[in-house]
Amino acid sequence: MNEQQQIEERLWDYIDGLSSAEEKSVVEQLIAGNREWQVKHRELLEAHQLISASELEVPSMRFTKNVMDEIARHHVAPATNSYINKNIIRGIGAFFLLMIVGFLVYVLGQGQFHWSEYHSNNPGTIPLLSQYGKSLGNNLDKFNWGRVFNNAYVNVFIGINMIIGLTLLDMYLRRRREKEKDSGAHT
């Protein structure tokens, strides 16, 4: 607090009669001996007299009712569930699902898997699960992940999908928590 505010507070307490007897005598001495305190005391006394002389307006008995009636007359925005088209949301979800499938096709189509070799050498086997009798773990060890994830576009795509996925998860968990809170409040 600066000095002016402290002076005003002490003077208001003095004018309102809230200060102790000791504080009153100190303030009276300051008013008598300090020009700045005298000017501020005079200003605050005038403001106090104006406030006490004027009668404060009392709101009508129906004030609250009138305000609520006025609010009710205006159109309140509906909940988002009523004006957001669910088909648009489904379309956005389908788009991102298609993008993820496209990414998987891109990864598998990088030329690291030779599908014709798997089929011709081991008929009736699933290529990803068996390569010349070896396990899936050995196949994944041979897979060149740097070739897939060294592309800037792939990294940006994965990052955007991670952010969107985490945002959707957060929204889902928040709604679920609100529903649980609402159902707990109603019981």
Foldseek 3Di string as FASTA:
>chain_A
DDPVVVLLVLLVCLVVVNDDPVSVVVLVVCCVPPPVSVVSNVVVVVVVCVVVVDDDDDDDPCVVVVVVVVVVVDDDDDDPVVPDDVVVVVVVVVVLVVVVVVLVCVLVPPPLFDVVQCCVVPPPDDRCQADPRDGNVVVVVSRDVCVSPVDPVNVVSVVVVVVVVVVVVVVVVVVVVVVVVVVVVVD
